[in-house]
Amino acid sequence: MATRALPETNAADGARPLLLAMDGITKTFPGVVALSGASLRVGRGEVHALVGQNGAGKSTLVRILTGAHRRDSGEVVFAGQPVDFRSPQAAQRAGVSTIYQEINLVPYRSIAENIFLGREPRRFGLLDWRAMNRNARDLLRRLDISLDVTRPLYELNVALQQMVALARALSFESKLVVLDEPTSSLDEREVQTLFAVIRGLKQNGVSVLFITHRLDELYAVCDRVTIMRDGQTVAERAIPTIQKLELVATMLGKELGEVRQEGQTGFDQARRTARRTGPPMLEARNLRREPALRGASLSLRAGETIGLAGLLGSGRTEVARAIFAADRLDGGEVEFGGGPARFHGPAHAIRAGIGLCGEDRKAEGIIPYLSVRENLTLAALPTLTTAGIVDRKRQRAIVDRFITRLGIKASSPEQPVRELSGGNQQKVLLARWLCLHPKLLILDEPTRGIDVGAKAEIQALIDELAGQGLSVLMISSELEEILEGADRVAVMRDGETVAILDHAEVSQDRLLSLMAHGHEDDAALANSGPPIANDVAPDRGDQRGGR
C-alpha cells in the first residue's frame, strides 16, 4: 500500500513529536460506512482522548490500528514507520497494547497466567511458576493492588478484572496503551489509582489513547482530544482550549445554544410525587445472603424509579440478583404485585413480569454471534413459538418496532450483534425486556460505556416508560445519573440499606457521605439543605459486601 510522508510533529501544538499518525482511514461493512477519511494523531508521551457518540467510528478506528480489522484505504504510521498490522498480536509486538471495555481474558486461568498468557517465563524448558507469580505481584503493586495471583480470574469482580487487564498491558512495556472505557467498572479510588498509573506512563514517555464517555475524566487526565462523528474526524483540540459544552455540541453536531437549552431540561417534581401514590409494586425486606447482603431493604411503586447507590462492594448487584431470583437468599422476604414472590429462578421471575439488564453486557447480556433479531427476541421466544416453531412474522414485527422506537443503528436485523457499538448493544438488551411489557425492569449500570447522546435517549426512555406505569430499579456508579433520573434513592453500604432519600432531599455530598461512612458528616449536612429522610436505617456492624 502506497504511503506519503506525514509530519513528525503534532499539528495541534507544533512541538510534540508524533508517535502515531492515522490519515484518510476508510472502512466499509456490508451496508454500513463505518469510517470515511478518519484521522488520528497521538504524540509521544501524550495522553490523548478519543470521543464521539456510539457508532461514531471510535472502536472501528482502534480495531484497524490494532490489526483486528483491515482498512479499505488510508495510511497508518507508527514510531516513524508505515505499518499495516495483520493481527492484534503483531500490534502488540510492535508496542501497541489495548484494553477493551469488555474484558478479553481467560476466566478459569489464574491472575498470573492471564497477565503472562502466551509469554510465560520458563526455566530449563519448564514453566517457571515462581517467577511468573512474583512478576505478576510486582505489576499489580504498581497499580496499588494486592491480590493472591494464583486465584482464578472469575473469582474477581469486573473492576479487579479490569485492573488485571491493565497489568497485562503494562507487562508488554508498550509505546502506546489504548484504554477503551477503562473506568466504566471502577469506583472512585480505583479511578484515581488508574489516573496515577496513566500519569506515570506519560512521565516514562509512554503514550496513552484514552477512549471515554465520562467527560470529567477526560479533563482530569488528557492533554488533547480527537472528536469523531458519523465515521469522520470532526475536530482535534488541546484540552485547555475547548469547554465541555462545546465538546458535547461538536460530538452531537449541534449548535452550542441547542446543547445549553437541552441541559436545562429536567424531571417534573409534581410528576415524581404523583408516581408514589399507589401501593408498592415491590417490597424487599431485610435481604440477607452472606457475605454480600446483611440487611438490604427497599420498596418500589408502579411508575416509580428508584436509584440504588453505593460503592463497589456495597451489595447493589446482589440486591438485583436476589429480586430476580438469580441468587438464593439466606433470609429476608420479597413481595411482588401485592403477594409473596416465591420465585424458583429467573424464568419464574420473568413470567411474573420482572426483567434484568446485567452490568456486564458481554458475559450476561448479548450472545455475540447471534443476530440483532435473535438477541432482541430471546426472552420473548416462548410467546412467539407454537409447537417448537417461531412465528417469524410476529418476530419481525416486534424487531422492526423496537429498532425504530429505540433508534438502534444496525445495517439490518440480521447483522451480528457483536458488530454493533456498545450503546446500540445496550439498546438491544433494553428492547429484549421491553417487548415483554414487564411490570418491573432492573437496570444494572444501564448507561455504562454509552456516549452522552445515547445516554440522554435511554434516560428519556426510562422516564417515558415510568410515566406509563413501569417500575424501574436503576443501579449506577454515576451519581449524576441517579440524581437526575431517580424519584427516590436507596443508599447501600457493606450489604445494608443505610438510607432511602426523596429526590428533593438528595445531594451529591449526602450520597458520598452515606456511601463512605453509612451516615452523614457535618459537611454533608451543611451543604445539603433539609434533613435526611431515612426510611430504612438498620443496625450496622463490620461487614463486607459484594459488588
Protein backbone atom coordinates (compact mmCIF):
# COMPACT_ATOMS: atom_id res chain seq x y z
CA MET A 1 0.00 0.00 0.00
CA ALA A 2 1.46 3.34 -1.01
CA THR A 3 2.13 5.90 1.70
CA ARG A 4 3.03 9.53 1.72
CA ALA A 5 5.24 11.37 4.17
CA LEU A 6 3.47 12.51 7.34
CA PRO A 7 4.69 15.28 9.63
CA GLU A 8 6.92 14.28 12.52
CA THR A 9 5.37 16.75 14.97
CA ASN A 10 1.88 17.18 16.30
CA ALA A 11 -0.01 19.68 14.19
CA ALA A 12 -2.12 20.71 17.17
CA ASP A 13 0.77 22.12 19.22
CA GLY A 14 3.67 22.10 16.76
CA ALA A 15 6.11 20.75 19.33
CA ARG A 16 5.40 17.20 20.48
CA PRO A 17 6.88 14.51 18.18
CA LEU A 18 4.31 12.16 16.73
CA LEU A 19 4.15 8.51 17.76
CA LEU A 20 1.03 7.62 15.75
CA ALA A 21 -0.49 9.17 12.64
CA MET A 22 -3.59 7.67 11.02
CA ASP A 23 -4.76 9.56 7.95
CA GLY A 24 -7.64 9.10 5.48
CA ILE A 25 -8.85 5.86 7.06
CA THR A 26 -11.87 4.32 5.33
CA LYS A 27 -13.71 1.15 6.31
CA THR A 28 -16.99 -0.24 4.95
CA PHE A 29 -19.00 -3.14 6.29
CA PRO A 30 -21.94 -4.65 4.35
CA GLY A 31 -24.49 -1.85 4.14
CA VAL A 32 -22.60 0.46 6.53
CA VAL A 33 -19.81 3.01 6.03
CA ALA A 34 -18.07 2.80 9.40
CA LEU A 35 -15.19 5.20 8.62
CA SER A 36 -14.85 7.83 5.92
CA GLY A 37 -11.49 9.60 5.78
CA ALA A 38 -10.95 9.46 9.57
CA SER A 39 -7.69 10.62 11.13
CA LEU A 40 -5.94 10.34 14.49
CA ARG A 41 -2.60 11.75 15.69
CA VAL A 42 -1.03 10.89 19.04
CA GLY A 43 2.17 12.48 20.30
CA ARG A 44 4.95 10.70 22.17
CA GLY A 45 4.38 10.74 25.91
CA GLU A 46 0.89 12.18 25.42
CA VAL A 47 -2.47 11.23 26.95
CA HIS A 48 -4.89 11.63 24.06
CA ALA A 49 -8.68 11.32 24.33
CA LEU A 50 -10.82 9.84 21.56
CA VAL A 51 -14.51 10.71 21.93
CA GLY A 52 -17.74 10.53 19.97
CA GLN A 53 -21.21 9.08 20.15
CA ASN A 54 -21.73 5.33 19.93
CA GLY A 55 -21.46 4.48 16.25
CA ALA A 56 -19.15 7.43 15.54
CA GLY A 57 -16.37 5.03 14.49
CA LYS A 58 -14.04 5.09 17.53
CA SER A 59 -13.93 1.33 18.05
CA THR A 60 -13.51 0.64 14.33
CA LEU A 61 -10.60 3.06 14.14
CA VAL A 62 -8.92 1.37 17.12
CA ARG A 63 -9.51 -2.09 15.68
CA ILE A 64 -7.85 -1.00 12.45
CA LEU A 65 -4.89 0.35 14.42
CA THR A 66 -4.55 -2.91 16.37
CA GLY A 67 -4.96 -5.25 13.40
CA ALA A 68 -8.40 -6.62 14.34
CA HIS A 69 -9.87 -5.05 11.17
CA ARG A 70 -8.24 -4.33 7.79
CA ARG A 71 -8.69 -0.81 6.44
CA ASP A 72 -10.06 -0.28 2.94
CA SER A 73 -7.82 2.75 2.39
CA GLY A 74 -5.69 5.25 4.27
CA GLU A 75 -2.28 5.38 5.94
CA VAL A 76 -1.00 4.39 9.38
CA VAL A 77 2.45 5.45 10.57
CA PHE A 78 3.66 4.21 13.99
CA ALA A 79 7.00 5.14 15.56
CA GLY A 80 8.10 6.65 12.25
CA GLN A 81 7.34 3.59 10.13
CA PRO A 82 4.36 2.84 7.84
CA VAL A 83 2.53 -0.15 9.35
CA ASP A 84 -0.32 -2.47 8.39
CA PHE A 85 -0.76 -4.82 11.34
CA ARG A 86 -2.32 -8.12 10.27
CA SER A 87 -3.35 -9.17 13.79
CA PRO A 88 -3.57 -7.82 17.37
CA GLN A 89 -0.52 -9.95 18.20
CA ALA A 90 1.50 -8.14 15.54
CA ALA A 91 0.41 -4.80 17.00
CA GLN A 92 1.41 -5.94 20.49
CA ARG A 93 4.84 -7.00 19.27
CA ALA A 94 5.27 -3.55 17.71
CA GLY A 95 4.38 -1.82 21.00
CA VAL A 96 0.59 -1.25 20.91
CA SER A 97 -1.37 -2.71 23.85
CA THR A 98 -5.15 -2.45 24.03
CA ILE A 99 -7.59 -2.91 26.91
CA TYR A 100 -11.13 -3.10 25.61
CA GLN A 101 -14.20 -2.15 27.60
CA GLU A 102 -15.34 -5.79 27.51
CA ILE A 103 -12.51 -7.67 29.15
CA ASN A 104 -10.90 -10.37 26.97
CA LEU A 105 -9.18 -12.66 29.47
CA VAL A 106 -9.48 -16.35 30.39
CA PRO A 107 -11.71 -16.68 33.46
CA TYR A 108 -10.60 -20.14 34.60
CA ARG A 109 -6.86 -19.39 34.44
CA SER A 110 -5.08 -17.71 37.34
CA ILE A 111 -4.42 -13.97 37.59
CA ALA A 112 -0.71 -14.54 36.92
CA GLU A 113 -1.42 -16.80 33.94
CA ASN A 114 -3.72 -14.16 32.43
CA ILE A 115 -1.09 -11.45 32.80
CA PHE A 116 1.60 -13.52 31.06
CA LEU A 117 -0.63 -15.59 28.76
CA GLY A 118 1.45 -16.67 25.75
CA ARG A 119 4.65 -15.25 27.30
CA GLU A 120 5.03 -17.44 30.38
CA PRO A 121 8.58 -17.39 31.84
CA ARG A 122 10.37 -20.71 31.56
CA ARG A 123 13.34 -22.35 33.23
CA PHE A 124 15.07 -25.46 31.85
CA GLY A 125 12.20 -25.73 29.36
CA LEU A 126 9.55 -25.82 32.09
CA LEU A 127 7.12 -23.11 33.14
CA ASP A 128 8.66 -21.05 35.96
CA TRP A 129 5.64 -20.59 38.25
CA ARG A 130 7.64 -18.82 40.97
CA ALA A 131 8.97 -16.15 38.59
CA MET A 132 5.59 -15.69 36.91
CA ASN A 133 3.75 -15.22 40.21
CA ARG A 134 6.44 -12.86 41.52
CA ASN A 135 6.37 -10.72 38.38
CA ALA A 136 2.56 -10.65 38.43
CA ARG A 137 2.57 -9.39 42.04
CA ASP A 138 5.08 -6.69 41.11
CA LEU A 139 2.92 -5.47 38.22
CA LEU A 140 -0.21 -5.36 40.39
CA ARG A 141 1.74 -3.49 43.07
CA ARG A 142 2.35 -0.72 40.50
CA LEU A 143 -1.46 -0.40 40.41
CA ASP A 144 -1.66 -0.30 44.21
CA ILE A 145 -3.39 -3.71 44.27
CA SER A 146 -2.58 -6.68 46.46
CA LEU A 147 -4.09 -9.98 45.31
CA ASP A 148 -3.36 -13.68 45.51
CA VAL A 149 -2.17 -14.07 41.92
CA THR A 150 -2.83 -17.83 41.99
CA ARG A 151 -6.61 -17.24 42.24
CA PRO A 152 -8.70 -17.90 39.11
CA LEU A 153 -9.77 -14.72 37.38
CA TYR A 154 -13.52 -15.48 37.55
CA GLU A 155 -13.44 -15.03 41.35
CA LEU A 156 -12.74 -11.29 40.88
CA ASN A 157 -15.39 -8.65 40.25
CA VAL A 158 -15.39 -6.70 36.99
CA ALA A 159 -13.36 -3.82 38.45
CA LEU A 160 -10.48 -6.05 39.55
CA GLN A 161 -10.54 -7.96 36.26
CA GLN A 162 -10.11 -4.59 34.52
CA MET A 163 -7.04 -3.87 36.65
CA VAL A 164 -5.60 -7.30 35.79
CA ALA A 165 -6.06 -6.45 32.12
CA LEU A 166 -4.18 -3.19 32.70
CA ALA A 167 -1.38 -5.07 34.45
CA ARG A 168 -1.14 -7.34 31.39
CA ALA A 169 -0.83 -4.28 29.14
CA LEU A 170 1.91 -2.84 31.35
CA SER A 171 3.82 -6.12 31.12
CA PHE A 172 4.42 -5.55 27.38
CA GLU A 173 6.46 -2.36 28.01
CA SER A 174 4.38 -0.75 25.28
CA LYS A 175 4.94 2.51 23.42
CA LEU A 176 1.17 3.10 23.14
CA VAL A 177 -1.52 1.86 25.55
CA VAL A 178 -5.10 2.06 24.28
CA LEU A 179 -7.71 2.21 27.08
CA ASP A 180 -11.29 1.68 25.88
CA GLU A 181 -13.66 2.90 28.63
CA PRO A 182 -11.23 1.75 31.35
CA THR A 183 -13.12 3.36 34.25
CA SER A 184 -16.61 2.04 33.45
CA SER A 185 -16.34 -0.63 36.18
CA LEU A 186 -14.10 1.18 38.67
CA ASP A 187 -15.01 3.03 41.83
CA GLU A 188 -13.59 6.47 42.64
CA ARG A 189 -10.50 5.18 44.48
CA GLU A 190 -9.67 2.79 41.64
CA VAL A 191 -10.21 5.57 39.09
CA GLN A 192 -7.68 7.75 40.90
CA THR A 193 -5.25 4.80 41.01
CA LEU A 194 -5.68 4.35 37.27
CA PHE A 195 -5.07 8.06 36.66
CA ALA A 196 -1.87 7.85 38.72
CA VAL A 197 -0.73 4.93 36.54
CA ILE A 198 -1.57 6.89 33.37
CA ARG A 199 0.43 9.89 34.59
CA GLY A 200 3.32 7.57 35.42
CA LEU A 201 3.23 6.10 31.93
CA LYS A 202 3.28 9.61 30.48
CA GLN A 203 6.31 10.56 32.59
CA ASN A 204 8.10 7.48 31.25
CA GLY A 205 7.39 8.52 27.65
CA VAL A 206 4.55 6.06 27.03
CA SER A 207 1.58 7.41 25.07
CA VAL A 208 -2.00 6.65 26.13
CA LEU A 209 -5.07 6.71 23.89
CA PHE A 210 -7.99 7.19 26.29
CA ILE A 211 -11.48 6.39 24.96
CA THR A 212 -14.19 7.58 27.32
CA HIS A 213 -17.72 8.91 27.58
CA ARG A 214 -17.08 10.46 31.01
CA LEU A 215 -16.07 13.99 30.16
CA ASP A 216 -14.91 14.90 33.68
CA GLU A 217 -12.25 12.19 33.42
CA LEU A 218 -11.18 13.47 30.04
CA TYR A 219 -10.48 16.91 31.51
CA ALA A 220 -8.72 15.39 34.52
CA VAL A 221 -6.08 13.35 32.73
CA CYS A 222 -5.86 14.09 28.98
CA ASP A 223 -3.70 16.55 27.02
CA ARG A 224 -5.61 16.62 23.72
CA VAL A 225 -8.84 15.27 22.27
CA THR A 226 -9.95 13.98 18.89
CA ILE A 227 -13.72 14.15 18.28
CA MET A 228 -15.44 11.79 15.85
CA ARG A 229 -18.93 11.91 14.35
CA ASP A 230 -20.54 9.67 11.72
CA GLY A 231 -17.28 7.91 10.86
CA GLN A 232 -15.27 11.09 10.40
CA THR A 233 -12.82 13.09 12.50
CA VAL A 234 -14.51 16.46 13.02
CA ALA A 235 -12.11 18.16 15.44
CA GLU A 236 -8.76 17.84 17.17
CA ARG A 237 -8.10 20.22 20.06
CA ALA A 238 -5.89 20.76 23.07
CA ILE A 239 -7.97 20.14 26.19
CA PRO A 240 -7.47 23.62 27.71
CA THR A 241 -8.85 25.23 24.54
CA ILE A 242 -12.28 23.53 24.45
CA GLN A 243 -15.07 23.84 27.00
CA LYS A 244 -17.21 20.85 27.91
CA LEU A 245 -20.38 22.21 26.30
CA GLU A 246 -18.52 22.97 23.09
CA LEU A 247 -17.09 19.45 23.09
CA VAL A 248 -20.56 17.92 23.53
CA ALA A 249 -22.01 20.16 20.81
CA THR A 250 -19.26 19.05 18.41
CA MET A 251 -19.89 15.38 19.23
CA LEU A 252 -23.61 15.74 18.61
CA GLY A 253 -23.31 18.03 15.58
CA LYS A 254 -25.42 20.72 17.23
CA GLU A 255 -25.06 24.40 17.91
CA LEU A 256 -23.79 25.34 21.36
CA GLY A 257 -27.07 27.10 22.19
CA GLU A 258 -29.06 23.92 21.49
CA VAL A 259 -26.95 21.92 23.96
CA ARG A 260 -27.33 24.63 26.62
CA GLN A 261 -31.10 24.55 26.17
CA GLU A 262 -31.24 20.75 26.42
CA GLY A 263 -29.12 20.81 29.54
CA GLN A 264 -31.72 22.92 31.29
CA THR A 265 -34.49 20.34 30.94
CA GLY A 266 -35.28 18.16 33.91
CA PHE A 267 -37.88 15.97 35.54
CA ASP A 268 -41.08 17.48 36.87
CA GLN A 269 -41.19 17.24 40.67
CA ALA A 270 -45.00 17.10 40.72
CA ARG A 271 -44.88 14.13 38.37
CA ARG A 272 -42.32 12.43 40.63
CA THR A 273 -44.57 12.87 43.65
CA ALA A 274 -47.63 11.60 41.78
CA ARG A 275 -45.82 8.37 40.96
CA ARG A 276 -45.68 7.38 44.64
CA THR A 277 -49.41 7.41 45.38
CA GLY A 278 -50.27 3.74 44.77
CA PRO A 279 -49.50 0.56 46.70
CA PRO A 280 -45.99 -0.93 46.46
CA MET A 281 -45.23 -2.99 43.36
CA LEU A 282 -42.14 -4.46 45.05
CA GLU A 283 -41.15 -4.75 48.71
CA ALA A 284 -37.83 -6.26 49.76
CA ARG A 285 -37.25 -6.57 53.49
CA ASN A 286 -34.01 -7.38 55.30
CA LEU A 287 -32.46 -9.37 52.43
CA ARG A 288 -29.54 -11.49 53.59
CA ARG A 289 -27.06 -13.59 51.68
CA GLU A 290 -23.71 -13.99 53.39
CA PRO A 291 -21.34 -12.29 52.98
CA ALA A 292 -22.69 -9.88 50.34
CA LEU A 293 -26.07 -8.90 51.82
CA ARG A 294 -26.51 -8.14 55.51
CA GLY A 295 -29.89 -6.41 55.68
CA ALA A 296 -30.97 -4.72 52.44
CA SER A 297 -34.49 -3.26 52.18
CA LEU A 298 -36.40 -1.14 49.66
CA SER A 299 -39.87 -0.63 48.22
CA LEU A 300 -40.98 0.43 44.76
CA ARG A 301 -44.35 1.60 43.45
CA ALA A 302 -45.80 1.37 39.98
CA GLY A 303 -44.33 4.04 37.72
CA GLU A 304 -41.54 4.89 40.17
CA THR A 305 -37.80 4.89 39.51
CA ILE A 306 -35.60 4.00 42.47
CA GLY A 307 -31.87 4.65 42.20
CA LEU A 308 -29.61 2.21 44.05
CA ALA A 309 -26.37 3.94 45.05
CA GLY A 310 -23.28 2.54 46.72
CA LEU A 311 -19.60 1.86 46.22
CA LEU A 312 -18.34 -1.30 44.55
CA GLY A 313 -18.68 -3.96 47.24
CA SER A 314 -21.79 -2.45 48.80
CA GLY A 315 -24.09 -5.22 47.54
CA ARG A 316 -26.01 -3.32 44.85
CA THR A 317 -25.79 -6.04 42.20
CA GLU A 318 -26.58 -8.74 44.77
CA VAL A 319 -29.86 -7.00 45.62
CA ALA A 320 -30.83 -7.01 41.95
CA ARG A 321 -29.93 -10.68 41.55
CA ALA A 322 -31.84 -11.63 44.70
CA ILE A 323 -35.02 -9.88 43.49
CA PHE A 324 -34.64 -11.58 40.10
CA ALA A 325 -34.20 -14.96 41.85
CA ALA A 326 -30.78 -15.44 40.25
CA ASP A 327 -29.30 -15.99 43.74
CA ARG A 328 -30.86 -17.76 46.71
CA LEU A 329 -31.34 -15.78 49.91
CA ASP A 330 -30.32 -16.84 53.41
CA GLY A 331 -33.04 -14.66 54.90
CA GLY A 332 -35.49 -11.83 54.28
CA GLU A 333 -38.57 -11.67 52.12
CA VAL A 334 -39.65 -10.26 48.76
CA GLU A 335 -43.21 -9.29 47.81
CA PHE A 336 -44.16 -8.51 44.24
CA GLY A 337 -47.51 -7.37 42.91
CA GLY A 338 -49.10 -7.48 46.35
CA GLY A 339 -48.13 -11.04 47.31
CA PRO A 340 -45.10 -13.13 48.32
CA ALA A 341 -42.61 -13.62 45.48
CA ARG A 342 -41.71 -17.28 45.77
CA PHE A 343 -39.71 -17.39 42.56
CA HIS A 344 -37.80 -20.61 41.88
CA GLY A 345 -35.45 -18.94 39.42
CA PRO A 346 -35.13 -16.18 36.81
CA ALA A 347 -37.59 -17.87 34.42
CA HIS A 348 -40.28 -17.69 37.11
CA ALA A 349 -39.43 -14.02 37.77
CA ILE A 350 -39.65 -13.23 34.05
CA ARG A 351 -43.09 -14.83 33.80
CA ALA A 352 -44.21 -12.72 36.77
CA GLY A 353 -43.16 -9.54 34.93
CA ILE A 354 -39.57 -8.77 36.01
CA GLY A 355 -36.66 -8.08 33.64
CA LEU A 356 -32.97 -7.64 34.47
CA CYS A 357 -30.28 -5.95 32.35
CA GLY A 358 -26.99 -7.02 33.96
CA GLU A 359 -23.91 -4.83 34.37
CA ASP A 360 -21.70 -6.90 32.03
CA ARG A 361 -23.17 -6.82 28.52
CA LYS A 362 -20.70 -9.35 27.18
CA ALA A 363 -20.94 -12.00 29.92
CA GLU A 364 -24.57 -11.59 30.99
CA GLY A 365 -26.36 -9.95 28.07
CA ILE A 366 -25.63 -10.27 24.38
CA ILE A 367 -24.95 -13.51 22.53
CA PRO A 368 -22.33 -12.05 20.19
CA TYR A 369 -22.60 -14.42 17.22
CA LEU A 370 -26.38 -14.24 17.03
CA SER A 371 -28.15 -11.51 15.08
CA VAL A 372 -29.84 -8.40 16.39
CA ARG A 373 -33.19 -10.10 15.72
CA GLU A 374 -32.27 -13.23 17.67
CA ASN A 375 -30.82 -11.28 20.61
CA LEU A 376 -33.73 -8.85 20.81
CA THR A 377 -36.44 -11.53 20.92
CA LEU A 378 -34.56 -14.10 23.01
CA ALA A 379 -36.67 -13.67 26.17
CA ALA A 380 -39.89 -13.48 24.12
CA LEU A 381 -39.36 -16.78 22.25
CA PRO A 382 -41.79 -18.76 24.48
CA THR A 383 -44.57 -16.34 23.48
CA LEU A 384 -43.59 -16.45 19.79
CA THR A 385 -43.35 -20.22 19.46
CA THR A 386 -46.04 -22.76 18.63
CA ALA A 387 -45.17 -26.48 18.60
CA GLY A 388 -41.48 -25.51 18.55
CA ILE A 389 -41.79 -23.23 15.51
CA VAL A 390 -41.12 -19.49 15.78
CA ASP A 391 -43.72 -17.20 14.24
CA ARG A 392 -41.30 -15.22 12.05
CA LYS A 393 -43.91 -12.65 11.03
CA ARG A 394 -44.68 -11.66 14.63
CA GLN A 395 -40.95 -11.76 15.47
CA ARG A 396 -40.07 -9.40 12.59
CA ALA A 397 -42.86 -7.01 13.60
CA ILE A 398 -41.50 -6.82 17.17
CA VAL A 399 -37.92 -6.35 15.99
CA ASP A 400 -38.80 -3.64 13.48
CA ARG A 401 -40.90 -1.77 16.06
CA PHE A 402 -38.18 -1.68 18.72
CA ILE A 403 -35.33 -0.93 16.31
CA THR A 404 -37.33 2.14 15.28
CA ARG A 405 -38.50 3.09 18.77
CA LEU A 406 -35.06 2.88 20.40
CA GLY A 407 -33.13 4.17 17.38
CA ILE A 408 -30.92 1.06 17.14
CA LYS A 409 -28.30 1.61 14.44
CA ALA A 410 -27.79 -1.62 12.51
CA SER A 411 -27.43 -2.42 8.83
CA SER A 412 -30.31 -4.92 9.17
CA PRO A 413 -31.96 -7.07 11.87
CA GLU A 414 -29.74 -9.94 10.68
CA GLN A 415 -26.47 -8.12 11.48
CA PRO A 416 -24.49 -9.95 14.22
CA VAL A 417 -24.96 -8.02 17.44
CA ARG A 418 -21.20 -8.15 18.14
CA GLU A 419 -20.70 -5.71 15.24
CA LEU A 420 -22.82 -3.01 16.89
CA SER A 421 -21.41 -0.26 19.09
CA GLY A 422 -21.71 -0.62 22.85
CA GLY A 423 -24.60 1.83 23.04
CA ASN A 424 -26.57 0.00 20.37
CA GLN A 425 -25.91 -3.34 22.05
CA GLN A 426 -27.33 -1.87 25.25
CA LYS A 427 -30.44 -0.72 23.37
CA VAL A 428 -30.92 -4.26 22.04
CA LEU A 429 -30.82 -5.58 25.61
CA LEU A 430 -33.36 -2.97 26.73
CA ALA A 431 -35.61 -3.92 23.83
CA ARG A 432 -35.31 -7.60 24.81
CA TRP A 433 -37.15 -6.87 28.05
CA LEU A 434 -39.44 -4.09 26.85
CA CYS A 435 -41.03 -6.35 24.23
CA LEU A 436 -42.30 -8.50 27.13
CA HIS A 437 -44.11 -5.50 28.67
CA PRO A 438 -42.65 -6.05 32.16
CA LYS A 439 -44.02 -4.57 35.38
CA LEU A 440 -40.53 -4.11 36.89
CA LEU A 441 -37.29 -3.51 34.99
CA ILE A 442 -33.98 -3.78 36.88
CA LEU A 443 -31.16 -1.89 35.16
CA ASP A 444 -27.63 -2.54 36.44
CA GLU A 445 -25.35 0.20 35.02
CA PRO A 446 -27.69 0.88 32.06
CA THR A 447 -25.51 3.60 30.52
CA ARG A 448 -22.10 2.07 31.19
CA GLY A 449 -19.82 2.90 28.26
CA ILE A 450 -22.51 4.87 26.42
CA ASP A 451 -21.99 8.32 24.93
CA VAL A 452 -23.84 11.42 26.11
CA GLY A 453 -26.30 11.33 23.21
CA ALA A 454 -27.31 7.68 23.67
CA LYS A 455 -27.34 8.17 27.44
CA ALA A 456 -29.85 11.00 27.15
CA GLU A 457 -32.00 8.85 24.85
CA ILE A 458 -32.02 5.94 27.31
CA GLN A 459 -32.72 8.19 30.30
CA ALA A 460 -35.63 9.80 28.44
CA LEU A 461 -36.95 6.36 27.52
CA ILE A 462 -36.78 5.21 31.15
CA ASP A 463 -38.73 8.29 32.25
CA GLU A 464 -41.28 7.76 29.48
CA LEU A 465 -41.81 4.13 30.50
CA ALA A 466 -42.13 5.10 34.16
CA GLY A 467 -44.81 7.57 33.13
CA GLN A 468 -46.67 4.63 31.59
CA GLY A 469 -46.57 2.66 34.85
CA LEU A 470 -43.32 0.67 34.56
CA SER A 471 -41.38 0.38 37.83
CA VAL A 472 -37.61 0.79 37.44
CA LEU A 473 -34.79 -0.17 39.81
CA MET A 474 -31.65 1.54 38.49
CA ILE A 475 -28.14 0.80 39.71
CA SER A 476 -25.47 3.27 38.66
CA SER A 477 -21.95 4.24 39.68
CA GLU A 478 -22.53 7.70 38.18
CA LEU A 479 -24.10 9.85 40.89
CA GLU A 480 -25.27 12.43 38.36
CA GLU A 481 -27.34 9.77 36.63
CA ILE A 482 -29.03 8.83 39.90
CA LEU A 483 -29.54 12.44 40.94
CA GLU A 484 -31.20 13.27 37.61
CA GLY A 485 -33.19 10.13 36.94
CA ALA A 486 -34.46 8.69 40.23
CA ASP A 487 -37.64 9.53 42.16
CA ARG A 488 -36.00 8.18 45.30
CA VAL A 489 -32.52 6.89 46.11
CA ALA A 490 -31.66 3.87 48.27
CA VAL A 491 -28.09 4.04 49.57
CA MET A 492 -26.17 0.85 50.35
CA ARG A 493 -23.03 0.22 52.33
CA ASP A 494 -21.49 -3.12 53.34
CA GLY A 495 -24.52 -5.08 52.21
CA GLU A 496 -27.08 -2.95 54.04
CA THR A 497 -29.52 -0.20 53.15
CA VAL A 498 -28.42 2.79 55.22
CA ALA A 499 -30.89 5.38 53.88
CA ILE A 500 -33.73 5.96 51.44
CA LEU A 501 -33.99 9.57 50.27
CA ASP A 502 -36.64 11.51 48.37
CA HIS A 503 -35.38 13.15 45.19
CA ALA A 504 -35.81 16.66 46.63
CA GLU A 505 -33.62 15.74 49.60
CA VAL A 506 -30.76 14.17 47.69
CA SER A 507 -27.42 15.87 47.07
CA GLN A 508 -24.08 14.54 45.92
CA ASP A 509 -22.48 15.39 49.28
CA ARG A 510 -25.12 13.38 51.14
CA LEU A 511 -24.76 10.38 48.88
CA LEU A 512 -20.97 10.39 49.11
CA SER A 513 -21.07 10.64 52.90
CA LEU A 514 -23.61 7.82 53.25
CA MET A 515 -21.76 5.62 50.77
CA ALA A 516 -18.43 6.15 52.54
CA HIS A 517 -19.47 6.16 56.21
CA GLY A 518 -23.04 4.91 56.45
CA HIS A 519 -24.05 8.29 57.92
CA GLU A 520 -23.77 11.95 57.05
CA ASP A 521 -20.83 14.04 58.23
CA ASP A 522 -21.18 17.67 59.26
CA ALA A 523 -20.02 18.98 55.86
CA ALA A 524 -22.65 16.98 54.02
CA LEU A 525 -25.36 18.22 56.37
CA ALA A 526 -24.24 21.82 55.96
CA ASN A 527 -24.30 21.60 52.16
CA SER A 528 -27.44 19.56 51.66
CA GLY A 529 -30.42 21.64 52.76
CA PRO A 530 -33.28 19.84 54.54
CA PRO A 531 -32.75 16.93 56.98
CA ILE A 532 -32.29 13.44 55.62
CA ALA A 533 -35.37 11.30 55.04
CA ASN A 534 -34.08 7.97 56.26
CA ASP A 535 -36.81 5.40 55.75
CA VAL A 536 -34.52 2.47 56.43
CA ALA A 537 -31.58 2.50 58.82
CA PRO A 538 -30.86 -0.98 60.19
CA ASP A 539 -28.12 -1.61 62.74
CA ARG A 540 -24.71 -1.88 61.13
CA GLY A 541 -21.67 -3.84 62.05
CA ASP A 542 -18.33 -4.65 60.50
CA GLN A 543 -19.44 -6.35 57.31
CA ARG A 544 -18.24 -6.64 53.77
CA GLY A 545 -20.49 -6.68 50.74
CA GLY A 546 -20.27 -7.92 47.19
CA ARG A 547 -20.15 -5.85 44.06
